[in-house]
Amino acid sequence: MKIRIEAKESKPDGEKKHPLLHDTPSPEIEEKRTLIQRAMNQTFQSTAHLANLLPTGTVLAFQLLAPIFTNQGVCDSVSRVMTAGLVGLCGASCFLLSFTDSYRDNKGNVCYGFATLKGLWIIDGSTALAPEVAANFRLQFIDFLHALMSILVFAAIALYDQNVVNCFDPAPSDKAQEVLTSLPVAIGVFCRMLFVVFPTKRHGIGFPLSAS
């Protein structure tokens, strides 16, 4: 019985085995990255949910026009003025549309109007509400609270837009960057809690319609 022993091939000294992955991060770093990514995802999801509390047309107009007005974040003096005007108009739209409501007439047509102290003022004047019906649409203190929260929510969304931020502050300091990162989150959490505690019953312009 012969036992054959094969000699191991020796590799040149210059040839070395290289690992498939270079500089593999430690588990602690990977876990930290995962937590940061998870927090960012939750933040963006919360912002998306908060956007549902704003008029749809206003949010879409801002998201469409912001990259154009800011020139993709590279602003000159004219672009900066136009961006400031866009933010101001969208914020005013969120405030004013919080006082709108809708009403379905006997034919099922939807009529939009502004809530007043006397009731609902139909914008196009297509119908006149009975006094007892109009009383259900009277202006209340909670409407002003929702209007204020709408402005804050829109401000949080604007601060999340990097084009808008880069337009007004291209190179923020570390402290400013911390504020820009944490302030929208704080505003979103605060306003979301208030919207849950004080829900609105209005279905105005840009908001989902009621079933009845």
N, C-alpha and C. Protein backbone atom coordinates (compact mmCIF):
# COMPACT_ATOMS: atom_id res chain seq x y z
N MET A 1 0.85 -1.20 0.00
CA MET A 1 0.00 0.00 0.00
C MET A 1 0.88 1.24 0.00
N LYS A 2 0.72 2.03 -1.03
CA LYS A 2 1.55 3.21 -1.14
C LYS A 2 0.74 4.45 -0.74
N ILE A 3 1.34 5.21 0.05
CA ILE A 3 0.72 6.47 0.47
C ILE A 3 1.38 7.59 -0.29
N ARG A 4 0.58 8.29 -1.04
CA ARG A 4 1.10 9.37 -1.87
C ARG A 4 0.83 10.71 -1.19
N ILE A 5 1.87 11.38 -0.96
CA ILE A 5 1.78 12.68 -0.30
C ILE A 5 2.11 13.74 -1.33
N GLU A 6 1.12 14.58 -1.63
CA GLU A 6 1.33 15.64 -2.61
C GLU A 6 1.85 16.88 -1.91
N ALA A 7 2.86 17.39 -2.45
CA ALA A 7 3.44 18.60 -1.86
C ALA A 7 2.56 19.79 -2.16
N LYS A 8 2.40 20.57 -1.17
CA LYS A 8 1.59 21.78 -1.34
C LYS A 8 2.34 22.77 -2.21
N GLU A 9 1.57 23.34 -3.14
CA GLU A 9 2.20 24.30 -4.02
C GLU A 9 2.47 25.59 -3.25
N SER A 10 3.65 25.98 -3.35
CA SER A 10 4.04 27.21 -2.66
C SER A 10 3.81 28.39 -3.57
N LYS A 11 3.19 29.44 -3.06
CA LYS A 11 2.91 30.63 -3.84
C LYS A 11 4.05 31.62 -3.68
N PRO A 12 4.28 32.40 -4.70
CA PRO A 12 5.35 33.40 -4.59
C PRO A 12 5.09 34.33 -3.43
N ASP A 13 6.20 34.88 -2.92
CA ASP A 13 6.06 35.77 -1.77
C ASP A 13 5.28 37.02 -2.10
N GLY A 14 5.37 37.45 -3.37
CA GLY A 14 4.66 38.68 -3.73
C GLY A 14 3.17 38.50 -3.82
N GLU A 15 2.69 37.26 -3.98
CA GLU A 15 1.25 37.03 -4.11
C GLU A 15 0.64 36.83 -2.74
N LYS A 16 -0.29 37.62 -2.40
CA LYS A 16 -0.94 37.55 -1.09
C LYS A 16 -2.44 37.44 -1.30
N LYS A 17 -3.06 36.85 -0.34
CA LYS A 17 -4.51 36.73 -0.36
C LYS A 17 -5.13 38.03 0.14
N HIS A 18 -6.04 38.55 -0.65
CA HIS A 18 -6.71 39.79 -0.28
C HIS A 18 -8.13 39.47 0.15
N PRO A 19 -8.58 40.06 1.19
CA PRO A 19 -9.97 39.81 1.60
C PRO A 19 -10.93 40.37 0.58
N LEU A 20 -12.11 39.75 0.53
CA LEU A 20 -13.12 40.19 -0.42
C LEU A 20 -13.62 41.58 -0.08
N LEU A 21 -13.74 41.91 1.18
CA LEU A 21 -14.22 43.20 1.61
C LEU A 21 -13.11 43.93 2.34
N HIS A 22 -12.83 45.14 1.97
CA HIS A 22 -11.79 45.93 2.59
C HIS A 22 -12.42 46.83 3.65
N ASP A 23 -11.73 46.98 4.74
CA ASP A 23 -12.16 47.89 5.80
C ASP A 23 -13.60 47.61 6.21
N THR A 24 -13.89 46.38 6.52
CA THR A 24 -15.24 46.02 6.95
C THR A 24 -15.56 46.72 8.27
N PRO A 25 -16.64 47.50 8.33
CA PRO A 25 -16.95 48.22 9.56
C PRO A 25 -17.31 47.26 10.69
N SER A 26 -17.07 47.72 11.87
CA SER A 26 -17.35 46.91 13.04
C SER A 26 -18.85 46.80 13.25
N PRO A 27 -19.29 45.81 14.01
CA PRO A 27 -20.74 45.68 14.26
C PRO A 27 -21.33 46.90 14.95
N GLU A 28 -20.51 47.59 15.80
CA GLU A 28 -21.03 48.77 16.49
C GLU A 28 -21.35 49.88 15.49
N ILE A 29 -20.46 50.07 14.49
CA ILE A 29 -20.70 51.10 13.50
C ILE A 29 -21.91 50.76 12.64
N GLU A 30 -22.02 49.47 12.26
CA GLU A 30 -23.16 49.04 11.45
C GLU A 30 -24.47 49.25 12.20
N GLU A 31 -24.47 48.95 13.48
CA GLU A 31 -25.68 49.13 14.29
C GLU A 31 -26.04 50.60 14.40
N LYS A 32 -25.01 51.45 14.54
CA LYS A 32 -25.26 52.89 14.63
C LYS A 32 -25.84 53.41 13.33
N ARG A 33 -25.28 52.93 12.20
CA ARG A 33 -25.80 53.36 10.90
C ARG A 33 -27.25 52.90 10.73
N THR A 34 -27.54 51.70 11.18
CA THR A 34 -28.90 51.18 11.05
C THR A 34 -29.88 52.01 11.86
N LEU A 35 -29.49 52.40 13.06
CA LEU A 35 -30.36 53.22 13.90
C LEU A 35 -30.60 54.59 13.27
N ILE A 36 -29.54 55.18 12.70
CA ILE A 36 -29.68 56.49 12.06
C ILE A 36 -30.60 56.40 10.86
N GLN A 37 -30.40 55.37 10.03
CA GLN A 37 -31.25 55.20 8.86
C GLN A 37 -32.70 54.95 9.26
N ARG A 38 -32.89 54.18 10.33
CA ARG A 38 -34.25 53.91 10.78
C ARG A 38 -34.91 55.18 11.28
N ALA A 39 -34.15 55.99 12.01
CA ALA A 39 -34.71 57.25 12.50
C ALA A 39 -35.05 58.20 11.36
N MET A 40 -34.18 58.24 10.34
CA MET A 40 -34.46 59.10 9.19
C MET A 40 -35.70 58.63 8.44
N ASN A 41 -35.85 57.31 8.29
CA ASN A 41 -37.03 56.79 7.61
C ASN A 41 -38.30 57.13 8.36
N GLN A 42 -38.26 56.99 9.69
CA GLN A 42 -39.43 57.34 10.49
C GLN A 42 -39.74 58.82 10.39
N THR A 43 -38.68 59.64 10.34
CA THR A 43 -38.89 61.09 10.21
C THR A 43 -39.55 61.44 8.90
N PHE A 44 -39.05 60.85 7.78
CA PHE A 44 -39.64 61.14 6.48
C PHE A 44 -41.08 60.63 6.40
N GLN A 45 -41.35 59.46 7.03
CA GLN A 45 -42.71 58.95 7.04
C GLN A 45 -43.63 59.88 7.82
N SER A 46 -43.13 60.39 8.94
CA SER A 46 -43.94 61.32 9.73
C SER A 46 -44.22 62.59 8.94
N THR A 47 -43.20 63.06 8.22
CA THR A 47 -43.40 64.26 7.40
C THR A 47 -44.42 64.01 6.31
N ALA A 48 -44.37 62.82 5.69
CA ALA A 48 -45.35 62.49 4.66
C ALA A 48 -46.75 62.45 5.23
N HIS A 49 -46.89 61.91 6.46
CA HIS A 49 -48.20 61.88 7.09
C HIS A 49 -48.68 63.28 7.43
N LEU A 50 -47.75 64.14 7.86
CA LEU A 50 -48.14 65.51 8.17
C LEU A 50 -48.57 66.26 6.92
N ALA A 51 -47.95 65.93 5.78
CA ALA A 51 -48.34 66.58 4.53
C ALA A 51 -49.80 66.30 4.19
N ASN A 52 -50.32 65.16 4.66
CA ASN A 52 -51.72 64.85 4.42
C ASN A 52 -52.66 65.78 5.17
N LEU A 53 -52.14 66.46 6.19
CA LEU A 53 -52.96 67.40 6.95
C LEU A 53 -53.03 68.77 6.29
N LEU A 54 -52.29 68.97 5.21
CA LEU A 54 -52.27 70.24 4.50
C LEU A 54 -53.07 70.13 3.21
N PRO A 55 -53.47 71.27 2.64
CA PRO A 55 -54.17 71.23 1.35
C PRO A 55 -53.30 70.57 0.28
N THR A 56 -53.88 69.63 -0.43
CA THR A 56 -53.11 68.86 -1.41
C THR A 56 -52.52 69.74 -2.50
N GLY A 57 -53.32 70.67 -3.02
CA GLY A 57 -52.85 71.53 -4.09
C GLY A 57 -51.68 72.41 -3.66
N THR A 58 -51.71 72.89 -2.43
CA THR A 58 -50.62 73.74 -1.94
C THR A 58 -49.32 72.96 -1.84
N VAL A 59 -49.38 71.76 -1.30
CA VAL A 59 -48.18 70.94 -1.15
C VAL A 59 -47.61 70.56 -2.51
N LEU A 60 -48.49 70.16 -3.44
CA LEU A 60 -48.02 69.79 -4.77
C LEU A 60 -47.41 70.98 -5.50
N ALA A 61 -48.01 72.15 -5.35
CA ALA A 61 -47.47 73.35 -5.99
C ALA A 61 -46.09 73.69 -5.43
N PHE A 62 -45.94 73.56 -4.14
CA PHE A 62 -44.64 73.85 -3.53
C PHE A 62 -43.58 72.85 -3.99
N GLN A 63 -43.91 71.57 -3.97
CA GLN A 63 -42.94 70.56 -4.40
C GLN A 63 -42.59 70.67 -5.87
N LEU A 64 -43.51 71.17 -6.68
CA LEU A 64 -43.25 71.33 -8.11
C LEU A 64 -42.43 72.58 -8.41
N LEU A 65 -42.74 73.68 -7.73
CA LEU A 65 -42.12 74.96 -8.05
C LEU A 65 -40.83 75.22 -7.28
N ALA A 66 -40.65 74.58 -6.14
CA ALA A 66 -39.46 74.85 -5.33
C ALA A 66 -38.16 74.56 -6.08
N PRO A 67 -38.00 73.41 -6.75
CA PRO A 67 -36.75 73.20 -7.50
C PRO A 67 -36.53 74.22 -8.62
N ILE A 68 -37.62 74.73 -9.20
CA ILE A 68 -37.49 75.69 -10.30
C ILE A 68 -37.12 77.06 -9.76
N PHE A 69 -37.81 77.50 -8.72
CA PHE A 69 -37.55 78.83 -8.16
C PHE A 69 -36.17 78.92 -7.52
N THR A 70 -35.73 77.82 -6.91
CA THR A 70 -34.43 77.83 -6.22
C THR A 70 -33.27 77.48 -7.14
N ASN A 71 -33.57 77.15 -8.41
CA ASN A 71 -32.52 76.75 -9.35
C ASN A 71 -31.72 75.59 -8.77
N GLN A 72 -32.45 74.59 -8.26
CA GLN A 72 -31.85 73.40 -7.66
C GLN A 72 -30.93 73.75 -6.49
N GLY A 73 -31.31 74.78 -5.73
CA GLY A 73 -30.54 75.15 -4.54
C GLY A 73 -29.44 76.15 -4.79
N VAL A 74 -29.20 76.55 -6.03
CA VAL A 74 -28.16 77.54 -6.36
C VAL A 74 -28.87 78.85 -6.68
N CYS A 75 -29.01 79.70 -5.69
CA CYS A 75 -29.83 80.91 -5.81
C CYS A 75 -28.98 82.15 -5.98
N ASP A 76 -29.51 83.09 -6.75
CA ASP A 76 -28.99 84.45 -6.77
C ASP A 76 -30.00 85.33 -6.05
N SER A 77 -29.84 86.62 -6.14
CA SER A 77 -30.73 87.51 -5.39
C SER A 77 -32.18 87.41 -5.88
N VAL A 78 -32.36 87.26 -7.20
CA VAL A 78 -33.72 87.16 -7.75
C VAL A 78 -34.37 85.84 -7.35
N SER A 79 -33.63 84.76 -7.46
CA SER A 79 -34.17 83.44 -7.08
C SER A 79 -34.51 83.40 -5.60
N ARG A 80 -33.71 84.07 -4.80
CA ARG A 80 -33.98 84.07 -3.36
C ARG A 80 -35.28 84.80 -3.05
N VAL A 81 -35.53 85.91 -3.73
CA VAL A 81 -36.78 86.64 -3.53
C VAL A 81 -37.97 85.82 -4.02
N MET A 82 -37.82 85.17 -5.16
CA MET A 82 -38.90 84.34 -5.68
C MET A 82 -39.19 83.16 -4.76
N THR A 83 -38.14 82.56 -4.19
CA THR A 83 -38.34 81.43 -3.27
C THR A 83 -39.03 81.89 -2.00
N ALA A 84 -38.62 83.05 -1.49
CA ALA A 84 -39.27 83.59 -0.29
C ALA A 84 -40.74 83.88 -0.56
N GLY A 85 -41.05 84.40 -1.75
CA GLY A 85 -42.44 84.64 -2.11
C GLY A 85 -43.23 83.35 -2.22
N LEU A 86 -42.61 82.30 -2.78
CA LEU A 86 -43.29 81.01 -2.89
C LEU A 86 -43.60 80.43 -1.52
N VAL A 87 -42.63 80.47 -0.63
CA VAL A 87 -42.85 79.96 0.72
C VAL A 87 -43.94 80.76 1.43
N GLY A 88 -43.90 82.09 1.28
CA GLY A 88 -44.91 82.93 1.92
C GLY A 88 -46.30 82.68 1.38
N LEU A 89 -46.43 82.56 0.06
CA LEU A 89 -47.75 82.32 -0.54
C LEU A 89 -48.30 80.95 -0.15
N CYS A 90 -47.45 79.94 -0.16
CA CYS A 90 -47.91 78.60 0.23
C CYS A 90 -48.30 78.55 1.70
N GLY A 91 -47.53 79.24 2.54
CA GLY A 91 -47.90 79.31 3.95
C GLY A 91 -49.22 80.03 4.17
N ALA A 92 -49.42 81.15 3.44
CA ALA A 92 -50.70 81.86 3.54
C ALA A 92 -51.84 81.02 3.02
N SER A 93 -51.59 80.23 1.96
CA SER A 93 -52.63 79.35 1.43
C SER A 93 -53.03 78.30 2.47
N CYS A 94 -52.05 77.71 3.14
CA CYS A 94 -52.36 76.73 4.18
C CYS A 94 -53.18 77.36 5.30
N PHE A 95 -52.87 78.61 5.64
CA PHE A 95 -53.61 79.30 6.71
C PHE A 95 -55.04 79.59 6.29
N LEU A 96 -55.24 80.16 5.11
CA LEU A 96 -56.58 80.55 4.68
C LEU A 96 -57.46 79.35 4.38
N LEU A 97 -56.90 78.33 3.74
CA LEU A 97 -57.71 77.17 3.38
C LEU A 97 -58.14 76.37 4.60
N SER A 98 -57.55 76.63 5.76
CA SER A 98 -58.00 75.97 6.98
C SER A 98 -59.37 76.45 7.42
N PHE A 99 -59.81 77.60 6.88
CA PHE A 99 -61.12 78.15 7.23
C PHE A 99 -62.17 77.81 6.18
N THR A 100 -61.86 76.98 5.23
CA THR A 100 -62.83 76.59 4.21
C THR A 100 -63.53 75.30 4.60
N ASP A 101 -64.70 75.12 4.06
CA ASP A 101 -65.48 73.91 4.32
C ASP A 101 -66.32 73.62 3.09
N SER A 102 -66.93 72.46 3.04
CA SER A 102 -67.74 72.05 1.89
C SER A 102 -69.13 71.63 2.35
N TYR A 103 -70.06 71.72 1.42
CA TYR A 103 -71.45 71.38 1.70
C TYR A 103 -72.05 70.73 0.46
N ARG A 104 -72.80 69.67 0.65
CA ARG A 104 -73.49 68.98 -0.45
C ARG A 104 -74.96 69.41 -0.46
N ASP A 105 -75.39 69.89 -1.61
CA ASP A 105 -76.79 70.29 -1.71
C ASP A 105 -77.68 69.08 -1.98
N ASN A 106 -78.95 69.33 -2.22
CA ASN A 106 -79.90 68.24 -2.44
C ASN A 106 -79.60 67.44 -3.71
N LYS A 107 -78.93 68.07 -4.67
CA LYS A 107 -78.58 67.37 -5.91
C LYS A 107 -77.25 66.63 -5.82
N GLY A 108 -76.58 66.72 -4.68
CA GLY A 108 -75.31 66.05 -4.52
C GLY A 108 -74.11 66.85 -4.97
N ASN A 109 -74.32 68.09 -5.38
CA ASN A 109 -73.22 68.94 -5.81
C ASN A 109 -72.46 69.46 -4.59
N VAL A 110 -71.15 69.53 -4.72
CA VAL A 110 -70.30 70.00 -3.63
C VAL A 110 -70.09 71.49 -3.77
N CYS A 111 -70.37 72.23 -2.72
CA CYS A 111 -70.19 73.68 -2.71
C CYS A 111 -69.16 74.04 -1.65
N TYR A 112 -68.19 74.86 -2.03
CA TYR A 112 -67.14 75.27 -1.11
C TYR A 112 -67.39 76.69 -0.63
N GLY A 113 -66.98 76.94 0.60
CA GLY A 113 -67.15 78.27 1.16
C GLY A 113 -66.21 78.50 2.33
N PHE A 114 -66.25 79.73 2.85
CA PHE A 114 -65.44 80.11 4.00
C PHE A 114 -66.33 80.15 5.24
N ALA A 115 -65.78 79.64 6.33
CA ALA A 115 -66.50 79.68 7.60
C ALA A 115 -66.46 81.09 8.17
N THR A 116 -67.60 81.59 8.55
CA THR A 116 -67.71 82.91 9.16
C THR A 116 -68.42 82.79 10.51
N LEU A 117 -68.56 83.92 11.17
CA LEU A 117 -69.26 83.91 12.46
C LEU A 117 -70.74 83.58 12.30
N LYS A 118 -71.30 83.84 11.12
CA LYS A 118 -72.70 83.56 10.89
C LYS A 118 -72.95 82.20 10.26
N GLY A 119 -71.91 81.58 9.71
CA GLY A 119 -72.08 80.29 9.07
C GLY A 119 -71.12 80.14 7.91
N LEU A 120 -71.55 79.40 6.90
CA LEU A 120 -70.70 79.12 5.74
C LEU A 120 -71.06 80.06 4.60
N TRP A 121 -70.07 80.84 4.13
CA TRP A 121 -70.27 81.73 3.01
C TRP A 121 -69.83 81.02 1.74
N ILE A 122 -70.79 80.65 0.88
CA ILE A 122 -70.49 79.92 -0.34
C ILE A 122 -69.75 80.85 -1.31
N ILE A 123 -68.64 80.39 -1.84
CA ILE A 123 -67.77 81.25 -2.65
C ILE A 123 -68.47 81.67 -3.94
N ASP A 124 -69.04 80.71 -4.66
CA ASP A 124 -69.64 81.04 -5.96
C ASP A 124 -71.10 81.49 -5.84
N GLY A 125 -71.66 81.46 -4.65
CA GLY A 125 -73.03 81.91 -4.45
C GLY A 125 -74.07 81.06 -5.15
N SER A 126 -73.74 79.79 -5.39
CA SER A 126 -74.66 78.92 -6.12
C SER A 126 -75.84 78.47 -5.27
N THR A 127 -75.70 78.52 -3.98
CA THR A 127 -76.77 78.09 -3.10
C THR A 127 -76.74 78.91 -1.82
N ALA A 128 -77.86 78.94 -1.15
CA ALA A 128 -77.98 79.65 0.12
C ALA A 128 -78.39 78.64 1.19
N LEU A 129 -77.64 78.60 2.26
CA LEU A 129 -77.91 77.64 3.33
C LEU A 129 -78.97 78.20 4.28
N ALA A 130 -79.79 77.31 4.78
CA ALA A 130 -80.77 77.70 5.80
C ALA A 130 -80.02 78.08 7.07
N PRO A 131 -80.58 78.99 7.86
CA PRO A 131 -79.88 79.43 9.08
C PRO A 131 -79.51 78.29 10.02
N GLU A 132 -80.43 77.31 10.16
CA GLU A 132 -80.11 76.21 11.06
C GLU A 132 -79.00 75.32 10.51
N VAL A 133 -78.88 75.24 9.18
CA VAL A 133 -77.79 74.46 8.57
C VAL A 133 -76.48 75.24 8.61
N ALA A 134 -76.55 76.52 8.34
CA ALA A 134 -75.35 77.36 8.34
C ALA A 134 -74.72 77.44 9.72
N ALA A 135 -75.55 77.28 10.77
CA ALA A 135 -75.02 77.37 12.13
C ALA A 135 -74.02 76.26 12.41
N ASN A 136 -74.11 75.15 11.70
CA ASN A 136 -73.17 74.05 11.91
C ASN A 136 -71.78 74.34 11.36
N PHE A 137 -71.64 75.39 10.56
CA PHE A 137 -70.36 75.72 9.92
C PHE A 137 -69.75 76.99 10.49
N ARG A 138 -70.23 77.46 11.62
CA ARG A 138 -69.72 78.71 12.18
C ARG A 138 -68.23 78.62 12.53
N LEU A 139 -67.61 79.78 12.46
CA LEU A 139 -66.19 79.87 12.78
C LEU A 139 -65.99 79.64 14.27
N GLN A 140 -64.98 78.83 14.61
CA GLN A 140 -64.69 78.49 15.99
C GLN A 140 -63.22 78.73 16.31
N PHE A 141 -62.93 78.71 17.60
CA PHE A 141 -61.54 78.95 18.02
C PHE A 141 -60.60 77.86 17.51
N ILE A 142 -61.10 76.63 17.41
CA ILE A 142 -60.25 75.52 16.97
C ILE A 142 -59.81 75.70 15.52
N ASP A 143 -60.58 76.48 14.75
CA ASP A 143 -60.17 76.74 13.36
C ASP A 143 -58.88 77.55 13.32
N PHE A 144 -58.74 78.51 14.21
CA PHE A 144 -57.51 79.30 14.27
C PHE A 144 -56.34 78.44 14.74
N LEU A 145 -56.62 77.51 15.64
CA LEU A 145 -55.57 76.61 16.09
C LEU A 145 -55.09 75.72 14.95
N HIS A 146 -56.02 75.20 14.17
CA HIS A 146 -55.65 74.37 13.02
C HIS A 146 -54.90 75.19 11.98
N ALA A 147 -55.31 76.44 11.77
CA ALA A 147 -54.61 77.29 10.81
C ALA A 147 -53.17 77.55 11.25
N LEU A 148 -52.97 77.79 12.52
CA LEU A 148 -51.62 78.01 13.03
C LEU A 148 -50.77 76.75 12.90
N MET A 149 -51.36 75.58 13.22
CA MET A 149 -50.63 74.34 13.09
C MET A 149 -50.31 74.02 11.63
N SER A 150 -51.20 74.43 10.72
CA SER A 150 -50.94 74.20 9.30
C SER A 150 -49.71 74.98 8.84
N ILE A 151 -49.58 76.21 9.32
CA ILE A 151 -48.39 77.00 8.97
C ILE A 151 -47.13 76.34 9.52
N LEU A 152 -47.19 75.86 10.75
CA LEU A 152 -46.03 75.21 11.35
C LEU A 152 -45.66 73.93 10.60
N VAL A 153 -46.67 73.16 10.21
CA VAL A 153 -46.40 71.93 9.47
C VAL A 153 -45.77 72.25 8.11
N PHE A 154 -46.28 73.28 7.44
CA PHE A 154 -45.69 73.65 6.17
C PHE A 154 -44.27 74.15 6.35
N ALA A 155 -44.01 74.87 7.43
CA ALA A 155 -42.65 75.32 7.71
C ALA A 155 -41.71 74.13 7.90
N ALA A 156 -42.20 73.09 8.57
CA ALA A 156 -41.37 71.89 8.75
C ALA A 156 -41.07 71.23 7.41
N ILE A 157 -42.07 71.18 6.53
CA ILE A 157 -41.85 70.59 5.20
C ILE A 157 -40.87 71.43 4.39
N ALA A 158 -40.98 72.76 4.50
CA ALA A 158 -40.05 73.63 3.78
C ALA A 158 -38.63 73.47 4.30
N LEU A 159 -38.47 73.27 5.60
CA LEU A 159 -37.13 73.08 6.15
C LEU A 159 -36.52 71.75 5.73
N TYR A 160 -37.36 70.78 5.38
CA TYR A 160 -36.85 69.50 4.91
C TYR A 160 -36.42 69.57 3.43
N ASP A 161 -36.84 70.60 2.73
CA ASP A 161 -36.47 70.74 1.33
C ASP A 161 -35.05 71.30 1.24
N GLN A 162 -34.11 70.50 0.76
CA GLN A 162 -32.72 70.92 0.72
C GLN A 162 -32.51 72.06 -0.27
N ASN A 163 -33.30 72.13 -1.31
CA ASN A 163 -33.15 73.23 -2.26
C ASN A 163 -33.47 74.57 -1.59
N VAL A 164 -34.52 74.59 -0.77
CA VAL A 164 -34.89 75.82 -0.08
C VAL A 164 -33.84 76.18 0.96
N VAL A 165 -33.36 75.19 1.70
CA VAL A 165 -32.34 75.46 2.72
C VAL A 165 -31.06 75.96 2.09
N ASN A 166 -30.62 75.31 1.01
CA ASN A 166 -29.39 75.74 0.34
C ASN A 166 -29.54 77.11 -0.31
N CYS A 167 -30.75 77.47 -0.66
CA CYS A 167 -30.97 78.78 -1.27
C CYS A 167 -30.71 79.90 -0.27
N PHE A 168 -31.16 79.75 0.96
CA PHE A 168 -31.00 80.80 1.96
C PHE A 168 -29.73 80.64 2.79
N ASP A 169 -29.23 79.43 2.91
CA ASP A 169 -28.01 79.20 3.70
C ASP A 169 -27.21 78.07 3.05
N PRO A 170 -26.39 78.39 2.05
CA PRO A 170 -25.66 77.33 1.32
C PRO A 170 -24.69 76.55 2.19
N ALA A 171 -24.08 77.20 3.18
CA ALA A 171 -23.07 76.53 4.01
C ALA A 171 -23.40 76.77 5.48
N PRO A 172 -24.40 76.07 6.02
CA PRO A 172 -24.75 76.29 7.43
C PRO A 172 -23.67 75.74 8.36
N SER A 173 -23.56 76.37 9.51
CA SER A 173 -22.61 75.89 10.52
C SER A 173 -23.13 74.61 11.15
N ASP A 174 -22.29 74.01 11.98
CA ASP A 174 -22.69 72.76 12.64
C ASP A 174 -23.91 72.96 13.53
N LYS A 175 -23.93 74.07 14.26
CA LYS A 175 -25.08 74.34 15.13
C LYS A 175 -26.34 74.60 14.31
N ALA A 176 -26.18 75.34 13.22
CA ALA A 176 -27.35 75.58 12.36
C ALA A 176 -27.85 74.30 11.74
N GLN A 177 -26.94 73.41 11.38
CA GLN A 177 -27.34 72.13 10.80
C GLN A 177 -28.10 71.29 11.81
N GLU A 178 -27.67 71.34 13.06
CA GLU A 178 -28.40 70.61 14.11
C GLU A 178 -29.80 71.15 14.28
N VAL A 179 -29.93 72.48 14.21
CA VAL A 179 -31.26 73.09 14.34
C VAL A 179 -32.13 72.70 13.15
N LEU A 180 -31.56 72.75 11.94
CA LEU A 180 -32.33 72.40 10.74
C LEU A 180 -32.74 70.93 10.74
N THR A 181 -32.00 70.10 11.45
CA THR A 181 -32.33 68.67 11.50
C THR A 181 -33.36 68.36 12.57
N SER A 182 -33.21 68.99 13.74
CA SER A 182 -34.08 68.65 14.87
C SER A 182 -35.37 69.47 14.92
N LEU A 183 -35.33 70.72 14.44
CA LEU A 183 -36.51 71.58 14.55
C LEU A 183 -37.71 71.04 13.77
N PRO A 184 -37.55 70.60 12.50
CA PRO A 184 -38.74 70.05 11.80
C PRO A 184 -39.31 68.82 12.49
N VAL A 185 -38.44 68.00 13.08
CA VAL A 185 -38.93 66.82 13.79
C VAL A 185 -39.77 67.23 15.00
N ALA A 186 -39.27 68.21 15.75
CA ALA A 186 -40.00 68.69 16.93
C ALA A 186 -41.33 69.30 16.53
N ILE A 187 -41.33 70.10 15.47
CA ILE A 187 -42.57 70.71 15.00
C ILE A 187 -43.56 69.63 14.55
N GLY A 188 -43.05 68.63 13.82
CA GLY A 188 -43.93 67.57 13.35
C GLY A 188 -44.57 66.79 14.47
N VAL A 189 -43.78 66.43 15.49
CA VAL A 189 -44.32 65.66 16.62
C VAL A 189 -45.34 66.49 17.39
N PHE A 190 -45.01 67.76 17.62
CA PHE A 190 -45.90 68.63 18.38
C PHE A 190 -47.23 68.83 17.66
N CYS A 191 -47.17 69.16 16.38
CA CYS A 191 -48.40 69.41 15.62
C CYS A 191 -49.21 68.13 15.42
N ARG A 192 -48.51 67.04 15.25
CA ARG A 192 -49.24 65.78 15.07
C ARG A 192 -50.03 65.43 16.33
N MET A 193 -49.45 65.67 17.49
CA MET A 193 -50.17 65.42 18.74
C MET A 193 -51.39 66.33 18.85
N LEU A 194 -51.22 67.60 18.47
CA LEU A 194 -52.36 68.52 18.56
C LEU A 194 -53.46 68.15 17.58
N PHE A 195 -53.09 67.71 16.39
CA PHE A 195 -54.11 67.30 15.42
C PHE A 195 -54.87 66.07 15.90
N VAL A 196 -54.19 65.20 16.65
CA VAL A 196 -54.87 64.02 17.19
C VAL A 196 -55.79 64.40 18.34
N VAL A 197 -55.31 65.29 19.21
CA VAL A 197 -56.12 65.70 20.36
C VAL A 197 -57.27 66.59 19.94
N PHE A 198 -57.02 67.49 18.96
CA PHE A 198 -58.05 68.41 18.49
C PHE A 198 -58.28 68.18 17.00
N PRO A 199 -58.97 67.12 16.63
CA PRO A 199 -59.18 66.84 15.20
C PRO A 199 -60.14 67.85 14.58
N THR A 200 -59.96 68.06 13.29
CA THR A 200 -60.84 68.98 12.58
C THR A 200 -61.98 68.21 11.91
N LYS A 201 -63.13 68.85 11.84
CA LYS A 201 -64.29 68.25 11.19
C LYS A 201 -64.59 68.89 9.84
N ARG A 202 -63.74 69.81 9.44
CA ARG A 202 -63.98 70.51 8.18
C ARG A 202 -63.37 69.74 7.01
N HIS A 203 -64.00 69.91 5.85
CA HIS A 203 -63.55 69.28 4.61
C HIS A 203 -63.48 70.37 3.55
N GLY A 204 -62.47 71.22 3.70
CA GLY A 204 -62.36 72.38 2.84
C GLY A 204 -61.65 72.11 1.54
N ILE A 205 -61.25 73.19 0.88
CA ILE A 205 -60.58 73.11 -0.42
C ILE A 205 -59.23 72.44 -0.25
N GLY A 206 -59.00 71.39 -1.03
CA GLY A 206 -57.74 70.67 -0.97
C GLY A 206 -57.71 69.55 0.03
N PHE A 207 -58.81 69.35 0.77
CA PHE A 207 -58.90 68.28 1.76
C PHE A 207 -59.90 67.22 1.28
N PRO A 208 -59.81 66.00 1.82
CA PRO A 208 -60.77 64.97 1.40
C PRO A 208 -62.20 65.37 1.71
N LEU A 209 -63.10 65.00 0.83
CA LEU A 209 -64.52 65.32 1.00
C LEU A 209 -65.17 64.35 1.97
N SER A 210 -66.21 64.80 2.62
CA SER A 210 -66.97 63.92 3.51
C SER A 210 -67.91 63.05 2.69
N ALA A 211 -68.33 61.96 3.27
CA ALA A 211 -69.23 61.05 2.57
C ALA A 211 -70.63 61.60 2.45
N SER A 212 -71.00 62.47 3.37
CA SER A 212 -72.36 63.03 3.35
C SER A 212 -72.32 64.53 3.06
